N, C-alpha and C. Protein backbone atom coordinates (compact mmCIF):
# COMPACT_ATOMS: atom_id res chain seq x y z
N MET A 1 14.36 -12.72 -8.10
CA MET A 1 12.96 -12.74 -7.73
C MET A 1 12.20 -13.63 -8.70
N ASP A 2 11.22 -14.33 -8.18
CA ASP A 2 10.36 -15.21 -8.97
C ASP A 2 9.63 -14.38 -10.03
N ASP A 3 9.62 -14.89 -11.28
CA ASP A 3 8.96 -14.16 -12.37
C ASP A 3 7.47 -13.97 -12.14
N SER A 4 6.79 -14.97 -11.60
CA SER A 4 5.34 -14.84 -11.38
C SER A 4 5.07 -13.79 -10.30
N LEU A 5 5.91 -13.72 -9.30
CA LEU A 5 5.76 -12.72 -8.26
C LEU A 5 5.92 -11.33 -8.87
N GLU A 6 6.95 -11.14 -9.65
CA GLU A 6 7.20 -9.84 -10.30
C GLU A 6 6.05 -9.47 -11.24
N ARG A 7 5.55 -10.43 -12.01
CA ARG A 7 4.43 -10.16 -12.91
C ARG A 7 3.18 -9.74 -12.14
N SER A 8 2.90 -10.41 -11.03
CA SER A 8 1.72 -10.07 -10.22
C SER A 8 1.82 -8.67 -9.65
N ILE A 9 2.97 -8.33 -9.14
CA ILE A 9 3.17 -7.00 -8.57
C ILE A 9 3.07 -5.94 -9.67
N ASN A 10 3.68 -6.18 -10.80
CA ASN A 10 3.61 -5.22 -11.91
C ASN A 10 2.18 -5.07 -12.43
N ALA A 11 1.43 -6.17 -12.47
CA ALA A 11 0.03 -6.10 -12.92
C ALA A 11 -0.79 -5.23 -11.96
N LEU A 12 -0.55 -5.38 -10.66
CA LEU A 12 -1.23 -4.53 -9.69
C LEU A 12 -0.90 -3.07 -9.95
N LEU A 13 0.37 -2.76 -10.05
CA LEU A 13 0.77 -1.37 -10.23
C LEU A 13 0.20 -0.79 -11.52
N ASP A 14 0.23 -1.57 -12.60
CA ASP A 14 -0.32 -1.10 -13.88
C ASP A 14 -1.83 -0.86 -13.79
N SER A 15 -2.54 -1.73 -13.07
CA SER A 15 -3.99 -1.63 -12.98
C SER A 15 -4.43 -0.37 -12.22
N LEU A 16 -3.58 0.14 -11.38
CA LEU A 16 -3.95 1.28 -10.55
C LEU A 16 -4.02 2.59 -11.32
N ASP A 17 -3.40 2.63 -12.48
CA ASP A 17 -3.40 3.87 -13.26
C ASP A 17 -4.81 4.32 -13.64
N GLU A 18 -5.74 3.40 -13.74
CA GLU A 18 -7.10 3.73 -14.19
C GLU A 18 -8.05 4.12 -13.06
N LEU A 19 -7.63 3.98 -11.83
CA LEU A 19 -8.53 4.23 -10.70
C LEU A 19 -8.75 5.71 -10.47
N GLU A 20 -9.95 6.02 -10.03
CA GLU A 20 -10.31 7.40 -9.68
C GLU A 20 -9.84 7.68 -8.25
N SER A 21 -9.99 8.93 -7.84
CA SER A 21 -9.64 9.30 -6.47
C SER A 21 -10.46 8.49 -5.48
N PRO A 22 -9.89 8.19 -4.33
CA PRO A 22 -10.60 7.36 -3.35
C PRO A 22 -11.76 8.11 -2.71
N ALA A 23 -12.76 7.34 -2.32
CA ALA A 23 -13.87 7.90 -1.54
C ALA A 23 -13.40 8.00 -0.10
N SER A 24 -14.05 8.81 0.67
CA SER A 24 -13.65 8.96 2.07
C SER A 24 -14.79 8.51 2.97
N GLU A 25 -14.44 7.73 3.96
CA GLU A 25 -15.41 7.25 4.94
C GLU A 25 -14.85 7.49 6.32
N LEU A 26 -15.48 8.39 7.06
CA LEU A 26 -15.03 8.73 8.40
C LEU A 26 -13.57 9.17 8.42
N GLY A 27 -13.15 9.91 7.40
CA GLY A 27 -11.81 10.46 7.37
C GLY A 27 -10.73 9.55 6.81
N THR A 28 -11.01 8.27 6.62
CA THR A 28 -10.03 7.37 6.04
C THR A 28 -10.47 7.02 4.63
N PRO A 29 -9.66 7.37 3.64
CA PRO A 29 -10.05 7.06 2.26
C PRO A 29 -10.27 5.56 2.07
N VAL A 30 -11.32 5.25 1.34
CA VAL A 30 -11.67 3.86 1.05
C VAL A 30 -11.19 3.56 -0.36
N LEU A 31 -10.42 2.51 -0.51
CA LEU A 31 -9.86 2.16 -1.81
C LEU A 31 -10.70 1.09 -2.49
N ALA A 32 -10.72 1.14 -3.80
CA ALA A 32 -11.49 0.16 -4.59
C ALA A 32 -10.85 -1.22 -4.48
N ALA A 33 -11.70 -2.24 -4.53
CA ALA A 33 -11.21 -3.62 -4.55
C ALA A 33 -10.52 -3.87 -5.89
N SER A 34 -9.59 -4.78 -5.89
CA SER A 34 -8.83 -5.06 -7.10
C SER A 34 -8.41 -6.53 -7.12
N LYS A 35 -8.67 -7.21 -8.22
CA LYS A 35 -8.23 -8.62 -8.31
C LYS A 35 -6.71 -8.70 -8.32
N GLU A 36 -6.06 -7.67 -8.85
CA GLU A 36 -4.59 -7.65 -8.83
C GLU A 36 -4.07 -7.52 -7.41
N LEU A 37 -4.73 -6.68 -6.61
CA LEU A 37 -4.34 -6.54 -5.20
C LEU A 37 -4.51 -7.88 -4.49
N ASP A 38 -5.63 -8.53 -4.72
CA ASP A 38 -5.85 -9.85 -4.12
C ASP A 38 -4.78 -10.84 -4.55
N GLY A 39 -4.36 -10.74 -5.81
CA GLY A 39 -3.31 -11.63 -6.31
C GLY A 39 -1.97 -11.39 -5.63
N VAL A 40 -1.65 -10.14 -5.40
CA VAL A 40 -0.40 -9.81 -4.71
C VAL A 40 -0.45 -10.29 -3.26
N ILE A 41 -1.57 -10.08 -2.60
CA ILE A 41 -1.73 -10.52 -1.22
C ILE A 41 -1.58 -12.04 -1.14
N ALA A 42 -2.12 -12.75 -2.13
CA ALA A 42 -2.03 -14.21 -2.16
C ALA A 42 -0.59 -14.70 -2.29
N LEU A 43 0.31 -13.86 -2.79
CA LEU A 43 1.72 -14.24 -2.89
C LEU A 43 2.37 -14.36 -1.52
N GLY A 44 1.78 -13.69 -0.55
CA GLY A 44 2.24 -13.81 0.83
C GLY A 44 3.60 -13.19 1.08
N PRO A 45 4.28 -13.68 2.10
CA PRO A 45 5.54 -13.09 2.55
C PRO A 45 6.63 -13.01 1.47
N ALA A 46 6.56 -13.84 0.47
CA ALA A 46 7.57 -13.79 -0.60
C ALA A 46 7.55 -12.44 -1.32
N ALA A 47 6.41 -11.77 -1.34
CA ALA A 47 6.28 -10.48 -2.03
C ALA A 47 6.73 -9.30 -1.19
N VAL A 48 6.87 -9.49 0.11
CA VAL A 48 7.13 -8.36 1.01
C VAL A 48 8.40 -7.59 0.69
N PRO A 49 9.54 -8.22 0.45
CA PRO A 49 10.73 -7.41 0.15
C PRO A 49 10.54 -6.49 -1.07
N ARG A 50 9.90 -7.00 -2.10
CA ARG A 50 9.68 -6.18 -3.29
C ARG A 50 8.67 -5.06 -3.00
N LEU A 51 7.62 -5.36 -2.29
CA LEU A 51 6.62 -4.34 -1.95
C LEU A 51 7.24 -3.24 -1.09
N ARG A 52 8.06 -3.63 -0.14
CA ARG A 52 8.73 -2.65 0.72
C ARG A 52 9.62 -1.74 -0.11
N ALA A 53 10.36 -2.31 -1.04
CA ALA A 53 11.26 -1.52 -1.89
C ALA A 53 10.47 -0.55 -2.76
N LEU A 54 9.32 -0.98 -3.23
CA LEU A 54 8.51 -0.14 -4.12
C LEU A 54 7.90 1.06 -3.40
N LEU A 55 7.74 1.00 -2.10
CA LEU A 55 7.14 2.12 -1.37
C LEU A 55 7.91 3.42 -1.57
N GLU A 56 9.19 3.32 -1.80
CA GLU A 56 10.04 4.50 -1.89
C GLU A 56 9.81 5.35 -3.13
N ASP A 57 9.40 4.74 -4.23
CA ASP A 57 9.40 5.51 -5.48
C ASP A 57 8.10 5.42 -6.29
N GLN A 58 7.02 5.12 -5.63
CA GLN A 58 5.74 5.04 -6.33
C GLN A 58 4.91 6.29 -6.06
N PRO A 59 4.08 6.68 -7.02
CA PRO A 59 3.16 7.79 -6.75
C PRO A 59 2.16 7.39 -5.67
N ALA A 60 1.49 8.39 -5.11
CA ALA A 60 0.61 8.18 -3.95
C ALA A 60 -0.43 7.09 -4.19
N LYS A 61 -1.05 7.09 -5.34
CA LYS A 61 -2.09 6.10 -5.64
C LYS A 61 -1.55 4.68 -5.45
N LYS A 62 -0.38 4.43 -5.97
CA LYS A 62 0.20 3.09 -5.88
C LYS A 62 0.71 2.80 -4.47
N ALA A 63 1.27 3.81 -3.82
CA ALA A 63 1.78 3.62 -2.46
C ALA A 63 0.64 3.25 -1.51
N ALA A 64 -0.54 3.84 -1.69
CA ALA A 64 -1.67 3.51 -0.83
C ALA A 64 -2.04 2.04 -0.95
N TYR A 65 -2.07 1.53 -2.16
CA TYR A 65 -2.40 0.11 -2.36
C TYR A 65 -1.27 -0.81 -1.88
N LEU A 66 -0.04 -0.38 -2.01
CA LEU A 66 1.06 -1.18 -1.48
C LEU A 66 0.95 -1.29 0.04
N ALA A 67 0.54 -0.21 0.70
CA ALA A 67 0.34 -0.26 2.15
C ALA A 67 -0.75 -1.26 2.51
N VAL A 68 -1.83 -1.27 1.74
CA VAL A 68 -2.91 -2.24 1.97
C VAL A 68 -2.37 -3.67 1.83
N ALA A 69 -1.63 -3.91 0.76
CA ALA A 69 -1.09 -5.26 0.53
C ALA A 69 -0.19 -5.69 1.67
N LEU A 70 0.68 -4.79 2.11
CA LEU A 70 1.59 -5.14 3.21
C LEU A 70 0.83 -5.45 4.50
N ALA A 71 -0.22 -4.69 4.77
CA ALA A 71 -1.01 -4.95 5.97
C ALA A 71 -1.70 -6.31 5.88
N ARG A 72 -2.27 -6.60 4.74
CA ARG A 72 -3.02 -7.86 4.60
C ARG A 72 -2.11 -9.08 4.57
N ILE A 73 -0.90 -8.91 4.08
CA ILE A 73 0.05 -10.03 4.12
C ILE A 73 0.45 -10.28 5.57
N GLY A 74 0.58 -9.21 6.34
CA GLY A 74 0.80 -9.36 7.78
C GLY A 74 2.23 -9.56 8.21
N ASP A 75 3.19 -9.08 7.45
CA ASP A 75 4.60 -9.23 7.79
C ASP A 75 5.07 -7.96 8.51
N ARG A 76 5.39 -8.11 9.79
CA ARG A 76 5.79 -6.97 10.62
C ARG A 76 7.09 -6.31 10.17
N SER A 77 7.85 -6.97 9.32
CA SER A 77 9.10 -6.35 8.84
C SER A 77 8.83 -5.09 8.03
N ALA A 78 7.59 -4.90 7.59
CA ALA A 78 7.23 -3.72 6.79
C ALA A 78 6.96 -2.49 7.66
N LEU A 79 6.89 -2.64 8.98
CA LEU A 79 6.56 -1.51 9.84
C LEU A 79 7.47 -0.29 9.65
N PRO A 80 8.80 -0.44 9.65
CA PRO A 80 9.64 0.76 9.48
C PRO A 80 9.38 1.47 8.14
N ASP A 81 9.15 0.70 7.10
CA ASP A 81 8.89 1.28 5.78
C ASP A 81 7.56 2.02 5.76
N LEU A 82 6.55 1.44 6.39
CA LEU A 82 5.24 2.08 6.45
C LEU A 82 5.28 3.36 7.28
N ARG A 83 6.04 3.34 8.35
CA ARG A 83 6.17 4.56 9.17
C ARG A 83 6.87 5.67 8.38
N ARG A 84 7.91 5.31 7.63
CA ARG A 84 8.61 6.30 6.79
C ARG A 84 7.68 6.86 5.73
N LEU A 85 6.92 5.96 5.11
CA LEU A 85 5.97 6.39 4.08
C LEU A 85 4.96 7.38 4.67
N ARG A 86 4.40 7.05 5.82
CA ARG A 86 3.42 7.93 6.46
C ARG A 86 4.04 9.29 6.78
N ARG A 87 5.24 9.30 7.35
CA ARG A 87 5.89 10.57 7.68
C ARG A 87 6.13 11.42 6.44
N ARG A 88 6.53 10.78 5.35
CA ARG A 88 6.80 11.51 4.11
C ARG A 88 5.53 12.20 3.61
N TYR A 89 4.41 11.50 3.65
CA TYR A 89 3.17 12.09 3.16
C TYR A 89 2.56 13.08 4.16
N GLN A 90 2.75 12.87 5.45
CA GLN A 90 2.27 13.83 6.44
C GLN A 90 3.01 15.16 6.31
N ALA A 91 4.26 15.10 5.88
CA ALA A 91 5.08 16.31 5.77
C ALA A 91 4.74 17.16 4.55
N LEU A 92 3.97 16.63 3.62
CA LEU A 92 3.61 17.41 2.44
C LEU A 92 2.75 18.60 2.84
N GLY A 93 2.99 19.74 2.20
CA GLY A 93 2.21 20.93 2.50
C GLY A 93 0.79 20.81 1.99
N SER A 94 0.61 20.77 0.72
CA SER A 94 -0.70 20.65 0.09
C SER A 94 -0.91 19.19 -0.29
N LYS A 95 -1.99 18.60 0.16
CA LYS A 95 -2.20 17.17 -0.05
C LYS A 95 -3.40 16.91 -0.97
N SER A 96 -3.23 15.93 -1.84
CA SER A 96 -4.32 15.47 -2.70
C SER A 96 -5.09 14.37 -1.98
N GLY A 97 -6.20 13.94 -2.58
CA GLY A 97 -6.95 12.81 -2.03
C GLY A 97 -6.10 11.57 -1.92
N TRP A 98 -5.25 11.35 -2.89
CA TRP A 98 -4.38 10.18 -2.85
C TRP A 98 -3.31 10.31 -1.77
N ASP A 99 -2.83 11.52 -1.51
CA ASP A 99 -1.87 11.71 -0.42
C ASP A 99 -2.53 11.33 0.92
N PHE A 100 -3.78 11.78 1.10
CA PHE A 100 -4.50 11.40 2.31
C PHE A 100 -4.76 9.89 2.36
N ALA A 101 -4.97 9.28 1.20
CA ALA A 101 -5.16 7.82 1.15
C ALA A 101 -3.90 7.11 1.63
N VAL A 102 -2.74 7.59 1.25
CA VAL A 102 -1.48 6.98 1.71
C VAL A 102 -1.38 7.08 3.22
N ILE A 103 -1.66 8.25 3.76
CA ILE A 103 -1.58 8.43 5.21
C ILE A 103 -2.58 7.51 5.92
N GLY A 104 -3.81 7.49 5.43
CA GLY A 104 -4.84 6.66 6.06
C GLY A 104 -4.52 5.18 5.97
N GLN A 105 -4.11 4.73 4.81
CA GLN A 105 -3.80 3.30 4.65
C GLN A 105 -2.53 2.92 5.41
N SER A 106 -1.58 3.84 5.49
CA SER A 106 -0.39 3.58 6.31
C SER A 106 -0.77 3.44 7.77
N ASN A 107 -1.65 4.34 8.25
CA ASN A 107 -2.12 4.26 9.64
C ASN A 107 -2.79 2.91 9.91
N LEU A 108 -3.68 2.51 9.01
CA LEU A 108 -4.38 1.24 9.17
C LEU A 108 -3.41 0.06 9.15
N ALA A 109 -2.45 0.10 8.23
CA ALA A 109 -1.48 -0.98 8.11
C ALA A 109 -0.60 -1.07 9.35
N ILE A 110 -0.12 0.07 9.81
CA ILE A 110 0.73 0.10 11.00
C ILE A 110 -0.04 -0.44 12.20
N ASP A 111 -1.26 0.02 12.37
CA ASP A 111 -2.08 -0.45 13.49
C ASP A 111 -2.30 -1.96 13.41
N ALA A 112 -2.64 -2.45 12.24
CA ALA A 112 -2.89 -3.89 12.07
C ALA A 112 -1.64 -4.70 12.37
N LEU A 113 -0.50 -4.27 11.88
CA LEU A 113 0.74 -5.02 12.08
C LEU A 113 1.22 -4.94 13.52
N GLU A 114 1.02 -3.80 14.17
CA GLU A 114 1.45 -3.66 15.57
C GLU A 114 0.60 -4.51 16.51
N HIS A 115 -0.65 -4.76 16.12
CA HIS A 115 -1.56 -5.48 17.01
C HIS A 115 -1.85 -6.92 16.60
N GLN A 116 -1.11 -7.41 15.64
CA GLN A 116 -1.34 -8.81 15.26
C GLN A 116 -0.69 -9.72 16.29
N SER A 117 -1.27 -10.89 16.44
CA SER A 117 -0.72 -11.82 17.44
C SER A 117 0.16 -12.85 16.81
């Protein structure tokens, strides 16, 4: 993997540790803007394999932002991973704000990728 790609993704993940719980707007948690997120999105399809792999083992806060990045990059190959992520968080008994953020952002990402032309 390209070192700059890996650095950008790691910077995004590191930056998320400081974020507060997401706000909610009409039932879908709203996530804060992030220059690191924008940087990962700018990497485009080259980042998708790494982002997809990271969905499996990141805490909810990071998984929610990874779902956003995958949706904005627009690579439909992420759909199975996003569906798995959503199912995993939907199955949780007691959910935190970040768990709901993962479900909401997964829903938005899946919808965007399914309906892109």
